Amino acid sequence: MAASTDRRRVLVVVSGLMLVMLLASLDQTIVSTALPTIVGELGGLEHLSWVVTAYLLAVTSVTPLYGKLGDLSGRKVVLQGALVLFLVGSALCGLAQGMTELIAFRAIRGLGGGGLMVSAQAAIGDVVPPSERGCRTRCPTRCSASRRRARRSSARSAGRWAPRCWARCSRGGSRRS
């Protein structure tokens, strides 16, 4: 009974962490699609590349800091802080009235986004036992890859593959089980 409860707990935590990673990856997908329209409305085509660069610079610079902060003060608090900062940056981006504001707010969003992936991966390492860690960290990556494959080919192939991956991880099996 205790093993079943622990397994359910791990599944709930890993599912939540996968949602955080989905949020971070969807951000880039949505922004890259909508960016030409946004820039057209704000009238700053010459600053288009700075919208993306500001986010990437912020993410790249704070990712190691989030890792160290997670080690020092706990993963949950750091992940929650990164998520709040990311969501505040997202709201500010939606309220931007010009390109300069959008660039600054994307940088704020990047300061939060830098902690989402690294904190989620580190939290998976804390929650999941070492014997299952490979499967639990591999599943989000493969599900993400299957989502990309679905965009290129058909949604059916990704829809068939992702649940099987998660089911194998849920029962603790490897690819051959």
N, C-alpha and C. Protein backbone atom coordinates (compact mmCIF):
# COMPACT_ATOMS: atom_id res chain seq x y z
N MET A 1 0.82 -1.19 0.00
CA MET A 1 0.00 0.00 0.00
C MET A 1 0.86 1.25 0.00
N ALA A 2 1.95 1.25 0.79
CA ALA A 2 2.83 2.43 0.86
C ALA A 2 3.53 2.67 -0.47
N ALA A 3 3.92 1.59 -1.15
CA ALA A 3 4.59 1.74 -2.44
C ALA A 3 3.64 2.34 -3.47
N SER A 4 2.37 1.93 -3.40
CA SER A 4 1.37 2.47 -4.33
C SER A 4 1.14 3.95 -4.07
N THR A 5 1.09 4.34 -2.81
CA THR A 5 0.91 5.75 -2.46
C THR A 5 2.12 6.57 -2.90
N ASP A 6 3.31 6.04 -2.69
CA ASP A 6 4.52 6.74 -3.12
C ASP A 6 4.56 6.90 -4.64
N ARG A 7 4.17 5.85 -5.34
CA ARG A 7 4.17 5.91 -6.81
C ARG A 7 3.17 6.96 -7.29
N ARG A 8 1.99 7.02 -6.67
CA ARG A 8 1.00 8.02 -7.04
C ARG A 8 1.52 9.43 -6.77
N ARG A 9 2.17 9.59 -5.65
CA ARG A 9 2.75 10.89 -5.31
C ARG A 9 3.77 11.33 -6.33
N VAL A 10 4.62 10.42 -6.69
CA VAL A 10 5.66 10.72 -7.68
C VAL A 10 5.00 11.08 -9.01
N LEU A 11 3.98 10.34 -9.41
CA LEU A 11 3.29 10.64 -10.67
C LEU A 11 2.65 12.03 -10.65
N VAL A 12 2.07 12.41 -9.52
CA VAL A 12 1.46 13.73 -9.41
C VAL A 12 2.52 14.82 -9.52
N VAL A 13 3.62 14.64 -8.81
CA VAL A 13 4.70 15.63 -8.84
C VAL A 13 5.32 15.72 -10.22
N VAL A 14 5.62 14.59 -10.83
CA VAL A 14 6.23 14.59 -12.16
C VAL A 14 5.26 15.17 -13.19
N SER A 15 3.98 14.90 -13.05
CA SER A 15 2.99 15.49 -13.97
C SER A 15 2.98 17.01 -13.85
N GLY A 16 3.02 17.51 -12.63
CA GLY A 16 3.08 18.96 -12.43
C GLY A 16 4.34 19.57 -13.01
N LEU A 17 5.46 18.89 -12.82
CA LEU A 17 6.72 19.38 -13.36
C LEU A 17 6.72 19.34 -14.88
N MET A 18 6.08 18.33 -15.45
CA MET A 18 5.97 18.28 -16.92
C MET A 18 5.11 19.43 -17.44
N LEU A 19 4.09 19.82 -16.68
CA LEU A 19 3.29 20.98 -17.08
C LEU A 19 4.12 22.26 -17.07
N VAL A 20 5.00 22.38 -16.09
CA VAL A 20 5.88 23.55 -16.03
C VAL A 20 6.80 23.58 -17.26
N MET A 21 7.36 22.41 -17.61
CA MET A 21 8.23 22.35 -18.77
C MET A 21 7.44 22.59 -20.06
N LEU A 22 6.19 22.14 -20.11
CA LEU A 22 5.35 22.42 -21.26
C LEU A 22 5.10 23.91 -21.39
N LEU A 23 4.86 24.58 -20.27
CA LEU A 23 4.66 26.02 -20.28
C LEU A 23 5.88 26.74 -20.85
N ALA A 24 7.04 26.34 -20.42
CA ALA A 24 8.27 26.97 -20.90
C ALA A 24 8.48 26.73 -22.40
N SER A 25 8.21 25.52 -22.86
CA SER A 25 8.43 25.24 -24.28
C SER A 25 7.33 25.85 -25.16
N LEU A 26 6.12 25.90 -24.66
CA LEU A 26 5.04 26.53 -25.43
C LEU A 26 5.27 28.03 -25.58
N ASP A 27 5.91 28.63 -24.60
CA ASP A 27 6.20 30.06 -24.67
C ASP A 27 6.94 30.38 -25.96
N GLN A 28 8.01 29.68 -26.21
CA GLN A 28 8.81 29.95 -27.40
C GLN A 28 8.03 29.65 -28.68
N THR A 29 7.25 28.58 -28.67
CA THR A 29 6.49 28.21 -29.86
C THR A 29 5.46 29.27 -30.20
N ILE A 30 4.73 29.72 -29.20
CA ILE A 30 3.68 30.71 -29.42
C ILE A 30 4.26 32.06 -29.81
N VAL A 31 5.31 32.48 -29.10
CA VAL A 31 5.89 33.79 -29.39
C VAL A 31 6.49 33.83 -30.79
N SER A 32 7.18 32.78 -31.17
CA SER A 32 7.78 32.79 -32.51
C SER A 32 6.73 32.84 -33.60
N THR A 33 5.57 32.26 -33.37
CA THR A 33 4.50 32.30 -34.34
C THR A 33 3.82 33.67 -34.37
N ALA A 34 3.61 34.25 -33.20
CA ALA A 34 2.86 35.51 -33.11
C ALA A 34 3.73 36.75 -33.24
N LEU A 35 5.03 36.61 -33.16
CA LEU A 35 5.92 37.77 -33.12
C LEU A 35 5.78 38.70 -34.33
N PRO A 36 5.70 38.22 -35.56
CA PRO A 36 5.54 39.16 -36.68
C PRO A 36 4.28 40.03 -36.55
N THR A 37 3.19 39.44 -36.10
CA THR A 37 1.96 40.20 -35.91
C THR A 37 2.11 41.22 -34.80
N ILE A 38 2.73 40.82 -33.70
CA ILE A 38 2.93 41.72 -32.56
C ILE A 38 3.79 42.90 -32.97
N VAL A 39 4.88 42.61 -33.65
CA VAL A 39 5.80 43.67 -34.08
C VAL A 39 5.11 44.59 -35.08
N GLY A 40 4.29 44.03 -35.94
CA GLY A 40 3.55 44.85 -36.90
C GLY A 40 2.61 45.83 -36.20
N GLU A 41 1.96 45.38 -35.14
CA GLU A 41 1.05 46.25 -34.40
C GLU A 41 1.79 47.31 -33.59
N LEU A 42 2.95 46.94 -33.05
CA LEU A 42 3.71 47.89 -32.24
C LEU A 42 4.62 48.78 -33.09
N GLY A 43 4.82 48.41 -34.33
CA GLY A 43 5.58 49.23 -35.26
C GLY A 43 7.06 49.34 -34.95
N GLY A 44 7.72 48.24 -34.83
CA GLY A 44 9.15 48.28 -34.55
C GLY A 44 9.90 47.16 -35.21
N LEU A 45 9.76 47.03 -36.50
CA LEU A 45 10.39 45.92 -37.23
C LEU A 45 11.90 45.89 -37.04
N GLU A 46 12.53 47.06 -36.90
CA GLU A 46 13.99 47.10 -36.75
C GLU A 46 14.45 46.52 -35.41
N HIS A 47 13.52 46.36 -34.46
CA HIS A 47 13.87 45.82 -33.14
C HIS A 47 13.38 44.38 -32.95
N LEU A 48 12.93 43.75 -34.02
CA LEU A 48 12.37 42.41 -33.94
C LEU A 48 13.33 41.42 -33.29
N SER A 49 14.57 41.43 -33.70
CA SER A 49 15.52 40.45 -33.16
C SER A 49 15.79 40.65 -31.68
N TRP A 50 15.63 41.87 -31.17
CA TRP A 50 15.87 42.13 -29.75
C TRP A 50 14.81 41.50 -28.85
N VAL A 51 13.63 41.29 -29.38
CA VAL A 51 12.58 40.65 -28.58
C VAL A 51 13.01 39.23 -28.20
N VAL A 52 13.54 38.52 -29.16
CA VAL A 52 14.01 37.15 -28.92
C VAL A 52 15.33 37.16 -28.16
N THR A 53 16.23 38.05 -28.54
CA THR A 53 17.55 38.10 -27.91
C THR A 53 17.46 38.45 -26.43
N ALA A 54 16.59 39.38 -26.06
CA ALA A 54 16.44 39.76 -24.65
C ALA A 54 16.02 38.56 -23.81
N TYR A 55 15.09 37.77 -24.32
CA TYR A 55 14.64 36.57 -23.60
C TYR A 55 15.79 35.56 -23.46
N LEU A 56 16.45 35.29 -24.56
CA LEU A 56 17.52 34.29 -24.54
C LEU A 56 18.70 34.70 -23.66
N LEU A 57 19.06 35.98 -23.70
CA LEU A 57 20.14 36.46 -22.83
C LEU A 57 19.78 36.30 -21.36
N ALA A 58 18.54 36.65 -21.03
CA ALA A 58 18.11 36.52 -19.64
C ALA A 58 18.09 35.06 -19.19
N VAL A 59 17.53 34.19 -20.02
CA VAL A 59 17.47 32.77 -19.68
C VAL A 59 18.87 32.20 -19.49
N THR A 60 19.76 32.51 -20.42
CA THR A 60 21.11 31.96 -20.38
C THR A 60 21.88 32.45 -19.16
N SER A 61 21.67 33.70 -18.79
CA SER A 61 22.45 34.25 -17.68
C SER A 61 21.96 33.76 -16.31
N VAL A 62 20.67 33.47 -16.16
CA VAL A 62 20.18 33.10 -14.83
C VAL A 62 20.05 31.59 -14.60
N THR A 63 20.14 30.80 -15.64
CA THR A 63 19.97 29.35 -15.47
C THR A 63 20.94 28.77 -14.43
N PRO A 64 22.24 29.06 -14.49
CA PRO A 64 23.12 28.52 -13.44
C PRO A 64 22.80 29.07 -12.05
N LEU A 65 22.34 30.30 -11.99
CA LEU A 65 21.99 30.89 -10.70
C LEU A 65 20.80 30.17 -10.07
N TYR A 66 19.82 29.81 -10.88
CA TYR A 66 18.68 29.06 -10.36
C TYR A 66 19.11 27.69 -9.86
N GLY A 67 20.04 27.07 -10.54
CA GLY A 67 20.55 25.78 -10.07
C GLY A 67 21.19 25.89 -8.69
N LYS A 68 22.01 26.90 -8.52
CA LYS A 68 22.67 27.10 -7.23
C LYS A 68 21.66 27.50 -6.14
N LEU A 69 20.73 28.40 -6.49
CA LEU A 69 19.70 28.79 -5.53
C LEU A 69 18.84 27.59 -5.11
N GLY A 70 18.55 26.72 -6.06
CA GLY A 70 17.78 25.51 -5.74
C GLY A 70 18.53 24.61 -4.78
N ASP A 71 19.85 24.52 -4.95
CA ASP A 71 20.65 23.72 -4.03
C ASP A 71 20.66 24.33 -2.63
N LEU A 72 20.71 25.65 -2.56
CA LEU A 72 20.83 26.32 -1.26
C LEU A 72 19.50 26.46 -0.52
N SER A 73 18.44 26.81 -1.23
CA SER A 73 17.20 27.14 -0.52
C SER A 73 16.03 26.21 -0.83
N GLY A 74 16.22 25.22 -1.64
CA GLY A 74 15.15 24.26 -1.93
C GLY A 74 14.55 24.48 -3.31
N ARG A 75 14.28 23.39 -3.97
CA ARG A 75 13.80 23.45 -5.35
C ARG A 75 12.39 24.03 -5.46
N LYS A 76 11.53 23.68 -4.51
CA LYS A 76 10.14 24.10 -4.60
C LYS A 76 10.01 25.62 -4.57
N VAL A 77 10.68 26.25 -3.63
CA VAL A 77 10.61 27.70 -3.50
C VAL A 77 11.19 28.39 -4.73
N VAL A 78 12.30 27.89 -5.22
CA VAL A 78 12.94 28.47 -6.39
C VAL A 78 12.05 28.30 -7.63
N LEU A 79 11.47 27.12 -7.80
CA LEU A 79 10.58 26.87 -8.93
C LEU A 79 9.35 27.77 -8.86
N GLN A 80 8.78 27.92 -7.68
CA GLN A 80 7.62 28.80 -7.53
C GLN A 80 7.98 30.25 -7.84
N GLY A 81 9.14 30.69 -7.37
CA GLY A 81 9.58 32.05 -7.66
C GLY A 81 9.80 32.27 -9.15
N ALA A 82 10.41 31.30 -9.80
CA ALA A 82 10.64 31.40 -11.24
C ALA A 82 9.31 31.43 -12.00
N LEU A 83 8.37 30.62 -11.56
CA LEU A 83 7.06 30.58 -12.20
C LEU A 83 6.32 31.90 -12.04
N VAL A 84 6.37 32.48 -10.84
CA VAL A 84 5.72 33.78 -10.61
C VAL A 84 6.37 34.85 -11.47
N LEU A 85 7.70 34.88 -11.51
CA LEU A 85 8.40 35.88 -12.31
C LEU A 85 8.08 35.71 -13.79
N PHE A 86 8.01 34.47 -14.25
CA PHE A 86 7.66 34.19 -15.64
C PHE A 86 6.25 34.68 -15.96
N LEU A 87 5.30 34.40 -15.07
CA LEU A 87 3.91 34.80 -15.31
C LEU A 87 3.74 36.32 -15.24
N VAL A 88 4.45 36.97 -14.32
CA VAL A 88 4.41 38.44 -14.25
C VAL A 88 4.98 39.03 -15.53
N GLY A 89 6.10 38.48 -15.99
CA GLY A 89 6.68 38.93 -17.26
C GLY A 89 5.74 38.71 -18.42
N SER A 90 5.00 37.60 -18.41
CA SER A 90 4.03 37.33 -19.47
C SER A 90 2.91 38.36 -19.46
N ALA A 91 2.41 38.67 -18.27
CA ALA A 91 1.34 39.67 -18.16
C ALA A 91 1.83 41.04 -18.62
N LEU A 92 3.05 41.40 -18.23
CA LEU A 92 3.61 42.68 -18.66
C LEU A 92 3.81 42.72 -20.17
N CYS A 93 4.23 41.61 -20.77
CA CYS A 93 4.37 41.56 -22.23
C CYS A 93 3.04 41.82 -22.91
N GLY A 94 1.97 41.29 -22.33
CA GLY A 94 0.64 41.52 -22.90
C GLY A 94 0.20 42.97 -22.78
N LEU A 95 0.76 43.70 -21.80
CA LEU A 95 0.38 45.10 -21.59
C LEU A 95 1.32 46.09 -22.29
N ALA A 96 2.36 45.58 -22.95
CA ALA A 96 3.35 46.45 -23.58
C ALA A 96 2.71 47.35 -24.63
N GLN A 97 3.11 48.62 -24.62
CA GLN A 97 2.57 49.60 -25.57
C GLN A 97 3.57 49.97 -26.66
N GLY A 98 4.79 49.49 -26.54
CA GLY A 98 5.80 49.79 -27.54
C GLY A 98 6.87 48.71 -27.56
N MET A 99 7.74 48.79 -28.53
CA MET A 99 8.79 47.77 -28.68
C MET A 99 9.78 47.79 -27.53
N THR A 100 10.12 48.96 -27.02
CA THR A 100 11.08 49.04 -25.91
C THR A 100 10.51 48.34 -24.68
N GLU A 101 9.24 48.58 -24.40
CA GLU A 101 8.61 47.91 -23.27
C GLU A 101 8.55 46.40 -23.49
N LEU A 102 8.20 45.99 -24.70
CA LEU A 102 8.12 44.56 -25.00
C LEU A 102 9.47 43.88 -24.81
N ILE A 103 10.53 44.54 -25.26
CA ILE A 103 11.87 43.97 -25.10
C ILE A 103 12.22 43.85 -23.62
N ALA A 104 11.95 44.90 -22.84
CA ALA A 104 12.25 44.86 -21.40
C ALA A 104 11.42 43.78 -20.69
N PHE A 105 10.16 43.68 -21.05
CA PHE A 105 9.29 42.70 -20.40
C PHE A 105 9.63 41.28 -20.81
N ARG A 106 10.12 41.09 -22.04
CA ARG A 106 10.59 39.76 -22.46
C ARG A 106 11.83 39.37 -21.66
N ALA A 107 12.66 40.35 -21.33
CA ALA A 107 13.82 40.06 -20.49
C ALA A 107 13.38 39.63 -19.09
N ILE A 108 12.36 40.29 -18.54
CA ILE A 108 11.82 39.89 -17.23
C ILE A 108 11.25 38.48 -17.32
N ARG A 109 10.55 38.22 -18.40
CA ARG A 109 10.00 36.88 -18.62
C ARG A 109 11.12 35.84 -18.70
N GLY A 110 12.21 36.22 -19.34
CA GLY A 110 13.36 35.31 -19.44
C GLY A 110 14.01 35.06 -18.10
N LEU A 111 14.00 36.06 -17.22
CA LEU A 111 14.55 35.85 -15.88
C LEU A 111 13.78 34.76 -15.14
N GLY A 112 12.47 34.68 -15.36
CA GLY A 112 11.68 33.61 -14.77
C GLY A 112 11.80 32.32 -15.56
N GLY A 113 11.83 32.44 -16.88
CA GLY A 113 11.91 31.26 -17.73
C GLY A 113 13.20 30.48 -17.55
N GLY A 114 14.26 31.17 -17.16
CA GLY A 114 15.54 30.49 -16.93
C GLY A 114 15.48 29.49 -15.80
N GLY A 115 14.56 29.69 -14.88
CA GLY A 115 14.45 28.77 -13.75
C GLY A 115 13.47 27.65 -13.95
N LEU A 116 12.62 27.75 -14.97
CA LEU A 116 11.57 26.73 -15.13
C LEU A 116 12.14 25.36 -15.47
N MET A 117 12.91 25.30 -16.53
CA MET A 117 13.43 23.99 -16.97
C MET A 117 14.42 23.41 -15.98
N VAL A 118 15.39 24.24 -15.55
CA VAL A 118 16.43 23.71 -14.68
C VAL A 118 15.86 23.28 -13.33
N SER A 119 14.93 24.05 -12.79
CA SER A 119 14.34 23.68 -11.50
C SER A 119 13.45 22.45 -11.62
N ALA A 120 12.71 22.35 -12.72
CA ALA A 120 11.86 21.17 -12.91
C ALA A 120 12.70 19.90 -13.06
N GLN A 121 13.76 19.97 -13.85
CA GLN A 121 14.62 18.80 -14.01
C GLN A 121 15.29 18.41 -12.69
N ALA A 122 15.73 19.41 -11.94
CA ALA A 122 16.37 19.13 -10.64
C ALA A 122 15.36 18.56 -9.66
N ALA A 123 14.13 19.04 -9.69
CA ALA A 123 13.10 18.52 -8.79
C ALA A 123 12.77 17.08 -9.13
N ILE A 124 12.75 16.74 -10.41
CA ILE A 124 12.54 15.34 -10.80
C ILE A 124 13.65 14.48 -10.21
N GLY A 125 14.87 14.99 -10.25
CA GLY A 125 16.00 14.26 -9.66
C GLY A 125 15.86 14.07 -8.16
N ASP A 126 15.21 15.02 -7.48
CA ASP A 126 15.02 14.90 -6.04
C ASP A 126 13.90 13.94 -5.68
N VAL A 127 12.84 13.91 -6.47
CA VAL A 127 11.63 13.16 -6.13
C VAL A 127 11.69 11.71 -6.59
N VAL A 128 12.26 11.48 -7.73
CA VAL A 128 12.25 10.15 -8.34
C VAL A 128 13.46 9.34 -7.86
N PRO A 129 13.24 8.09 -7.47
CA PRO A 129 14.37 7.24 -7.07
C PRO A 129 15.34 7.02 -8.23
N PRO A 130 16.61 6.82 -7.93
CA PRO A 130 17.61 6.67 -9.00
C PRO A 130 17.30 5.56 -10.00
N SER A 131 16.64 4.50 -9.58
CA SER A 131 16.34 3.41 -10.50
C SER A 131 15.33 3.81 -11.58
N GLU A 132 14.49 4.82 -11.32
CA GLU A 132 13.49 5.25 -12.30
C GLU A 132 13.85 6.59 -12.94
N ARG A 133 14.92 7.19 -12.52
CA ARG A 133 15.24 8.56 -12.94
C ARG A 133 15.43 8.68 -14.45
N GLY A 134 16.05 7.71 -15.06
CA GLY A 134 16.28 7.77 -16.51
C GLY A 134 14.98 7.83 -17.29
N CYS A 135 14.03 7.00 -16.88
CA CYS A 135 12.74 6.98 -17.58
C CYS A 135 11.98 8.28 -17.35
N ARG A 136 12.00 8.77 -16.14
CA ARG A 136 11.22 9.98 -15.82
C ARG A 136 11.79 11.22 -16.51
N THR A 137 13.08 11.28 -16.69
CA THR A 137 13.64 12.43 -17.38
C THR A 137 13.61 12.24 -18.89
N ARG A 138 13.55 11.00 -19.33
CA ARG A 138 13.50 10.73 -20.76
C ARG A 138 12.10 10.97 -21.32
N CYS A 139 11.07 10.68 -20.54
CA CYS A 139 9.69 10.82 -21.04
C CYS A 139 9.34 12.23 -21.48
N PRO A 140 9.62 13.27 -20.68
CA PRO A 140 9.29 14.62 -21.16
C PRO A 140 10.00 14.96 -22.46
N THR A 141 11.23 14.52 -22.60
CA THR A 141 11.99 14.79 -23.81
C THR A 141 11.37 14.07 -25.00
N ARG A 142 11.03 12.82 -24.82
CA ARG A 142 10.43 12.07 -25.92
C ARG A 142 9.04 12.57 -26.26
N CYS A 143 8.28 12.95 -25.26
CA CYS A 143 6.94 13.49 -25.54
C CYS A 143 7.05 14.80 -26.30
N SER A 144 8.05 15.59 -25.97
CA SER A 144 8.28 16.83 -26.70
C SER A 144 8.69 16.53 -28.14
N ALA A 145 9.53 15.53 -28.30
CA ALA A 145 9.94 15.16 -29.65
C ALA A 145 8.76 14.61 -30.45
N SER A 146 7.88 13.88 -29.80
CA SER A 146 6.74 13.35 -30.52
C SER A 146 5.78 14.47 -30.90
N ARG A 147 5.72 15.54 -30.08
CA ARG A 147 4.89 16.68 -30.43
C ARG A 147 5.44 17.36 -31.68
N ARG A 148 6.77 17.49 -31.77
CA ARG A 148 7.38 18.06 -32.97
C ARG A 148 7.13 17.18 -34.17
N ARG A 149 7.22 15.87 -33.97
CA ARG A 149 6.98 14.94 -35.07
C ARG A 149 5.54 15.04 -35.54
N ALA A 150 4.62 15.27 -34.62
CA ALA A 150 3.21 15.39 -34.99
C ALA A 150 2.96 16.60 -35.87
N ARG A 151 3.68 17.68 -35.59
CA ARG A 151 3.50 18.87 -36.42
C ARG A 151 3.96 18.60 -37.84
N ARG A 152 5.00 17.77 -37.98
CA ARG A 152 5.52 17.49 -39.31
C ARG A 152 4.72 16.44 -40.05
N SER A 153 4.26 15.42 -39.35
CA SER A 153 3.58 14.34 -40.05
C SER A 153 2.10 14.31 -39.70
N SER A 154 1.76 13.50 -38.73
CA SER A 154 0.35 13.41 -38.36
C SER A 154 0.22 13.36 -36.85
N ALA A 155 -0.85 13.86 -36.35
CA ALA A 155 -1.09 13.86 -34.90
C ALA A 155 -1.29 12.44 -34.39
N ARG A 156 -1.69 11.54 -35.29
CA ARG A 156 -1.93 10.17 -34.86
C ARG A 156 -0.66 9.49 -34.36
N SER A 157 0.47 9.70 -35.04
CA SER A 157 1.69 9.01 -34.64
C SER A 157 2.14 9.47 -33.26
N ALA A 158 2.07 10.75 -32.97
CA ALA A 158 2.45 11.26 -31.66
C ALA A 158 1.43 10.84 -30.62
N GLY A 159 0.17 10.83 -30.99
CA GLY A 159 -0.88 10.45 -30.06
C GLY A 159 -0.78 9.00 -29.65
N ARG A 160 -0.26 8.16 -30.53
CA ARG A 160 -0.07 6.75 -30.17
C ARG A 160 1.16 6.56 -29.31
N TRP A 161 2.22 7.34 -29.57
CA TRP A 161 3.49 7.10 -28.91
C TRP A 161 3.54 7.64 -27.49
N ALA A 162 3.07 8.88 -27.27
CA ALA A 162 3.22 9.54 -25.97
C ALA A 162 2.57 8.76 -24.83
N PRO A 163 1.33 8.27 -24.98
CA PRO A 163 0.75 7.51 -23.86
C PRO A 163 1.50 6.23 -23.55
N ARG A 164 2.07 5.59 -24.57
CA ARG A 164 2.83 4.36 -24.31
C ARG A 164 4.09 4.68 -23.50
N CYS A 165 4.73 5.79 -23.83
CA CYS A 165 5.93 6.19 -23.09
C CYS A 165 5.57 6.42 -21.63
N TRP A 166 4.51 7.16 -21.39
CA TRP A 166 4.12 7.48 -20.02
C TRP A 166 3.70 6.22 -19.28
N ALA A 167 3.03 5.29 -19.96
CA ALA A 167 2.61 4.05 -19.32
C ALA A 167 3.82 3.21 -18.92
N ARG A 168 4.84 3.16 -19.77
CA ARG A 168 6.05 2.42 -19.42
C ARG A 168 6.71 3.03 -18.20
N CYS A 169 6.76 4.36 -18.16
CA CYS A 169 7.37 5.02 -17.01
C CYS A 169 6.54 4.81 -15.76
N SER A 170 5.22 4.77 -15.90
CA SER A 170 4.33 4.64 -14.75
C SER A 170 4.50 3.29 -14.07
N ARG A 171 4.75 2.26 -14.86
CA ARG A 171 4.92 0.97 -14.23
C ARG A 171 6.39 0.67 -13.94
N GLY A 172 7.25 1.66 -14.22
CA GLY A 172 8.66 1.53 -13.87
C GLY A 172 9.44 0.66 -14.81
N GLY A 173 8.88 0.37 -15.96
CA GLY A 173 9.55 -0.50 -16.89
C GLY A 173 10.45 0.24 -17.86
N SER A 174 11.24 -0.53 -18.53
CA SER A 174 12.11 0.07 -19.56
C SER A 174 11.40 -0.04 -20.90
N ARG A 175 12.10 0.30 -21.92
CA ARG A 175 11.52 0.28 -23.25
C ARG A 175 11.12 -1.14 -23.69
N ARG A 176 11.83 -2.14 -23.20
CA ARG A 176 11.58 -3.51 -23.64
C ARG A 176 10.48 -4.20 -22.86
N SER A 177 9.99 -3.59 -21.77
CA SER A 177 9.00 -4.30 -20.95
C SER A 177 7.61 -4.26 -21.56
